[in-house]
Amino acid sequence: MPLPCRTSPLLENTPPFNVMLYRYVYGVIIMLSTSCPTKHLLPLLSRPLEPTSGNEALLRIRRSIPSALQQAISAYMAYGPSLLLARGTVEHIRTLLEPHVPESAVFLLEDALALASLYQSHSGLSEVRFRLEHVSTDSCRKFHTDHVKLRLLCTYHGLATEWVPPEFLHSDTLNERGVPATIPADCIHRLDTGDIALLKGSANAGHTGVVHRSPPVSHLPKDQRTRLLLTIDEPTACGMSDDQNPTVRHTVC
């Protein structure tokens, strides 16, 4: 099934600069029509994509979640799998995962696949690893860097990823993992729910990687702990193999 926003021939009455920008970010031409399910992403393309707070290893795209997407997220949280994991091209991932997504949550899958295309444009990879997961524990609560070249994170529900700005990462304070021994609370920054973040990892030449973590949630009331996290990265990240493609898991209550 092709991306619903794809169109040919080239858009009429669209400035050439905008067409080039759309091609770069999504790898496709995006139709400017009210029927386009991912049209809420278009404002992201109207401004340059710049690093956050001078951190060349972290690119943050701020956005507010529109109501239609929020409804799809709520539907997915209620009726969708606790884990969707697949790898391949965006179209192949769609084919693998779409049958497992409730109809009322397909808008969420479209948004996540659009972000997978965004990752492709920045990484230059034709295939990616796609992971959409309910997280309700303190896994990854320790600050760390990822052993990948580039990773995209987007928290659709709940508390979002925390990171440490580069001005705090002095070489003489880092341990063998590239993480400070102590990190004062006022040095910790947090993404907002819905934000899109591209983080360079320690496998990226010339970078030690972004020091970040999942926010601790175990101290929160049970109904406030669950997060819905999208991770897009290299197809072999975390040792993913063919027999895991796809993985669909439903949590048994």
Protein backbone atom coordinates (compact mmCIF):
# COMPACT_ATOMS: atom_id res chain seq x y z
CA MET A 1 0.00 0.00 0.00
CA PRO A 2 1.64 3.29 -1.03
CA LEU A 3 1.92 6.29 1.22
CA PRO A 4 -1.45 8.09 0.99
CA CYS A 5 0.28 11.42 0.47
CA ARG A 6 2.28 10.36 -2.58
CA THR A 7 1.33 11.95 -5.89
CA SER A 8 2.53 12.17 -9.48
CA PRO A 9 3.13 14.22 -11.55
CA LEU A 10 4.83 16.96 -9.53
CA LEU A 11 2.53 19.26 -7.63
CA GLU A 12 1.22 22.22 -9.57
CA ASN A 13 1.53 25.69 -8.05
CA THR A 14 4.11 24.47 -5.54
CA PRO A 15 7.29 26.57 -5.29
CA PRO A 16 10.36 24.59 -6.45
CA PHE A 17 12.11 25.19 -3.12
CA ASN A 18 9.28 23.55 -1.22
CA VAL A 19 9.16 20.59 -3.58
CA MET A 20 12.88 19.97 -3.07
CA LEU A 21 12.44 20.20 0.69
CA TYR A 22 9.55 17.76 0.72
CA ARG A 23 11.56 15.32 -1.39
CA TYR A 24 14.46 15.53 1.03
CA VAL A 25 12.49 14.93 4.19
CA TYR A 26 10.15 12.19 3.06
CA GLY A 27 11.68 10.91 -0.16
CA VAL A 28 8.32 11.51 -1.82
CA ILE A 29 6.24 14.45 -3.00
CA ILE A 30 3.54 15.32 -0.49
CA MET A 31 0.09 16.29 -1.64
CA LEU A 32 -1.18 19.49 -0.05
CA SER A 33 -4.78 18.36 0.36
CA THR A 34 -7.07 18.15 3.35
CA SER A 35 -7.49 14.42 2.72
CA CYS A 36 -3.82 13.68 3.37
CA PRO A 37 -3.58 11.72 6.66
CA THR A 38 -0.07 12.99 7.40
CA LYS A 39 -0.62 16.64 6.46
CA HIS A 40 -0.08 17.60 10.11
CA LEU A 41 3.64 16.93 9.53
CA LEU A 42 3.92 19.59 6.82
CA PRO A 43 4.64 22.49 9.25
CA LEU A 44 7.83 20.66 10.25
CA LEU A 45 9.14 21.28 6.75
CA SER A 46 8.58 25.04 6.79
CA ARG A 47 11.61 25.76 8.97
CA PRO A 48 15.23 24.55 8.91
CA LEU A 49 16.09 21.44 10.85
CA GLU A 50 18.67 22.66 13.35
CA PRO A 51 20.55 21.03 16.24
CA THR A 52 19.22 21.56 19.76
CA SER A 53 21.12 23.99 22.02
CA GLY A 54 24.24 23.76 19.90
CA ASN A 55 24.35 19.98 20.19
CA GLU A 56 25.34 18.80 16.72
CA ALA A 57 24.60 15.22 17.73
CA LEU A 58 20.95 15.91 18.58
CA LEU A 59 18.30 17.21 16.19
CA ARG A 60 14.99 18.06 17.85
CA ILE A 61 11.81 18.82 15.94
CA ARG A 62 9.14 20.24 18.21
CA ARG A 63 5.52 19.54 17.37
CA SER A 64 2.12 19.38 18.99
CA ILE A 65 0.10 16.22 18.46
CA PRO A 66 -3.06 17.05 16.44
CA SER A 67 -6.40 15.78 17.68
CA ALA A 68 -6.81 13.12 14.96
CA LEU A 69 -3.42 11.62 15.82
CA GLN A 70 -4.18 11.81 19.54
CA GLN A 71 -7.37 9.83 18.97
CA ALA A 72 -5.40 7.19 17.06
CA ILE A 73 -2.82 7.02 19.87
CA SER A 74 -5.57 6.52 22.45
CA ALA A 75 -7.12 3.77 20.33
CA TYR A 76 -3.76 2.07 19.94
CA MET A 77 -3.03 2.28 23.68
CA ALA A 78 -6.38 0.62 24.37
CA TYR A 79 -6.55 -2.02 21.64
CA GLY A 80 -3.18 -2.29 19.88
CA PRO A 81 -0.23 -4.62 20.48
CA SER A 82 2.24 -3.79 23.24
CA LEU A 83 5.08 -4.29 20.74
CA LEU A 84 5.38 -3.91 16.98
CA LEU A 85 8.84 -4.73 15.65
CA ALA A 86 9.85 -5.04 11.99
CA ARG A 87 12.62 -4.18 9.59
CA GLY A 88 12.90 -3.46 5.88
CA THR A 89 11.80 -0.68 3.58
CA VAL A 90 8.98 1.54 4.76
CA GLU A 91 6.57 -0.16 2.36
CA HIS A 92 7.61 -3.63 3.53
CA ILE A 93 7.18 -2.61 7.17
CA ARG A 94 3.71 -1.31 6.33
CA THR A 95 2.80 -4.64 4.74
CA LEU A 96 4.08 -6.56 7.77
CA LEU A 97 2.47 -4.44 10.47
CA GLU A 98 -0.74 -2.94 9.09
CA PRO A 99 -2.78 -6.15 9.67
CA HIS A 100 -1.94 -5.94 13.38
CA VAL A 101 -3.02 -2.32 13.89
CA PRO A 102 -6.64 -1.58 14.84
CA GLU A 103 -8.46 0.36 12.13
CA SER A 104 -9.05 3.20 14.56
CA ALA A 105 -5.27 3.52 15.07
CA VAL A 106 -4.07 3.36 11.45
CA PHE A 107 -3.43 7.12 11.54
CA LEU A 108 -0.74 6.44 14.17
CA LEU A 109 0.93 3.87 11.93
CA GLU A 110 0.92 6.36 9.04
CA ASP A 111 2.60 8.97 11.24
CA ALA A 112 5.22 6.49 12.46
CA LEU A 113 5.97 5.35 8.89
CA ALA A 114 6.38 8.96 7.82
CA LEU A 115 8.97 9.36 10.57
CA ALA A 116 10.67 6.21 9.30
CA SER A 117 10.94 7.94 5.92
CA LEU A 118 12.36 11.01 7.66
CA TYR A 119 14.99 8.76 9.25
CA GLN A 120 15.81 7.25 5.86
CA SER A 121 16.45 10.72 4.45
CA HIS A 122 18.84 11.65 7.25
CA SER A 123 20.63 8.29 7.47
CA GLY A 124 20.79 7.45 3.77
CA LEU A 125 19.56 3.91 4.55
CA SER A 126 16.98 2.20 2.37
CA GLU A 127 15.94 -0.21 5.15
CA VAL A 128 15.29 0.53 8.82
CA ARG A 129 14.34 -1.16 12.06
CA PHE A 130 10.91 -0.06 13.33
CA ARG A 131 9.92 -0.53 16.98
CA LEU A 132 6.68 0.80 18.52
CA GLU A 133 6.40 -0.28 22.12
CA HIS A 134 4.50 0.24 25.36
CA VAL A 135 7.06 0.98 28.09
CA SER A 136 5.98 1.00 31.73
CA THR A 137 9.19 0.12 33.57
CA ASP A 138 12.49 1.82 34.35
CA SER A 139 14.32 0.05 31.54
CA CYS A 140 17.05 2.25 30.05
CA ARG A 141 16.75 4.53 33.10
CA LYS A 142 20.54 4.94 33.30
CA PHE A 143 22.18 7.57 31.15
CA HIS A 144 23.93 6.02 28.16
CA THR A 145 24.84 6.44 24.53
CA ASP A 146 23.52 4.19 21.77
CA HIS A 147 25.94 2.02 19.79
CA VAL A 148 24.39 3.02 16.46
CA LYS A 149 25.16 5.74 13.95
CA LEU A 150 21.75 7.41 14.17
CA ARG A 151 18.48 6.77 16.01
CA LEU A 152 15.08 8.46 15.79
CA LEU A 153 12.91 8.64 18.90
CA CYS A 154 9.35 9.87 19.31
CA THR A 155 7.28 9.44 22.45
CA TYR A 156 3.61 9.42 21.48
CA HIS A 157 2.28 8.98 25.00
CA GLY A 158 3.72 9.61 28.45
CA LEU A 159 7.02 11.10 29.54
CA ALA A 160 9.61 11.62 26.80
CA THR A 161 13.36 10.99 26.58
CA GLU A 162 15.81 12.92 28.77
CA TRP A 163 19.27 14.03 27.64
CA VAL A 164 22.34 15.91 28.83
CA PRO A 165 23.55 18.93 26.80
CA PRO A 166 27.10 18.82 25.41
CA GLU A 167 28.44 21.69 27.51
CA PHE A 168 28.19 19.42 30.55
CA LEU A 169 30.13 16.57 28.92
CA HIS A 170 33.74 17.43 29.68
CA SER A 171 36.18 14.69 28.72
CA ASP A 172 37.78 14.60 32.17
CA THR A 173 34.40 13.82 33.82
CA LEU A 174 33.36 10.94 31.57
CA ASN A 175 33.70 7.25 32.31
CA GLU A 176 34.63 4.54 29.80
CA ARG A 177 31.05 4.58 28.48
CA GLY A 178 31.20 8.30 27.73
CA VAL A 179 28.80 9.17 30.55
CA PRO A 180 29.45 11.55 33.49
CA ALA A 181 29.78 9.90 36.87
CA THR A 182 27.27 12.34 38.35
CA ILE A 183 24.66 14.46 36.57
CA PRO A 184 22.96 17.26 38.53
CA ALA A 185 19.20 17.37 38.04
CA ASP A 186 19.35 20.91 36.64
CA CYS A 187 21.54 19.66 33.77
CA ILE A 188 18.94 17.17 32.55
CA HIS A 189 16.78 18.23 29.62
CA ARG A 190 13.62 16.46 28.45
CA LEU A 191 11.87 16.22 25.12
CA ASP A 192 8.15 16.91 24.99
CA THR A 193 5.59 14.27 24.11
CA GLY A 194 5.24 14.24 20.32
CA ASP A 195 8.68 15.71 19.66
CA ILE A 196 10.84 14.02 17.03
CA ALA A 197 14.50 13.56 17.94
CA LEU A 198 17.38 12.31 15.79
CA LEU A 199 20.28 11.26 18.01
CA LYS A 200 23.74 10.37 16.80
CA GLY A 201 25.24 7.37 18.53
CA SER A 202 28.73 6.29 19.48
CA ALA A 203 29.12 4.40 16.16
CA ASN A 204 28.89 7.68 14.26
CA ALA A 205 32.37 8.78 13.21
CA GLY A 206 33.53 11.89 15.05
CA HIS A 207 30.83 11.73 17.73
CA THR A 208 30.72 10.15 21.18
CA GLY A 209 26.93 10.00 20.98
CA VAL A 210 24.11 11.77 22.79
CA VAL A 211 23.97 10.95 26.51
CA HIS A 212 20.32 10.21 27.23
CA ARG A 213 17.92 7.92 29.08
CA SER A 214 14.31 6.88 29.37
CA PRO A 215 12.65 8.86 32.17
CA PRO A 216 12.25 6.90 35.44
CA VAL A 217 8.57 6.05 35.94
CA SER A 218 8.42 3.41 38.68
CA HIS A 219 7.80 6.07 41.35
CA LEU A 220 4.71 7.35 39.52
CA PRO A 221 1.12 6.16 40.04
CA LYS A 222 0.49 3.07 37.91
CA ASP A 223 -1.84 4.87 35.49
CA GLN A 224 0.91 7.44 34.72
CA ARG A 225 3.80 5.04 34.02
CA THR A 226 3.02 3.81 30.51
CA ARG A 227 4.77 5.38 27.56
CA LEU A 228 4.34 4.69 23.85
CA LEU A 229 7.76 4.99 22.26
CA LEU A 230 8.72 4.82 18.59
CA THR A 231 12.33 3.91 17.80
CA ILE A 232 13.72 3.94 14.26
CA ASP A 233 17.30 2.91 13.58
CA GLU A 234 19.56 0.66 11.53
CA PRO A 235 17.98 -2.64 10.37
CA THR A 236 20.42 -4.77 12.38
CA ALA A 237 20.33 -2.63 15.54
CA CYS A 238 20.10 -4.54 18.82
CA GLY A 239 20.95 -7.75 16.98
CA MET A 240 17.62 -8.01 15.15
CA SER A 241 17.42 -11.13 12.99
CA ASP A 242 15.15 -12.40 10.21
CA ASP A 243 13.24 -14.71 12.54
CA GLN A 244 12.13 -11.65 14.52
CA ASN A 245 10.66 -9.97 11.45
CA PRO A 246 7.98 -9.15 12.34
CA THR A 247 7.44 -9.44 16.08
CA VAL A 248 3.98 -8.63 17.41
CA ARG A 249 3.35 -8.95 21.11
CA HIS A 250 0.20 -8.44 23.15
CA THR A 251 0.54 -7.96 26.89
CA VAL A 252 -1.63 -10.35 28.84
CA CYS A 253 -3.22 -8.60 31.79
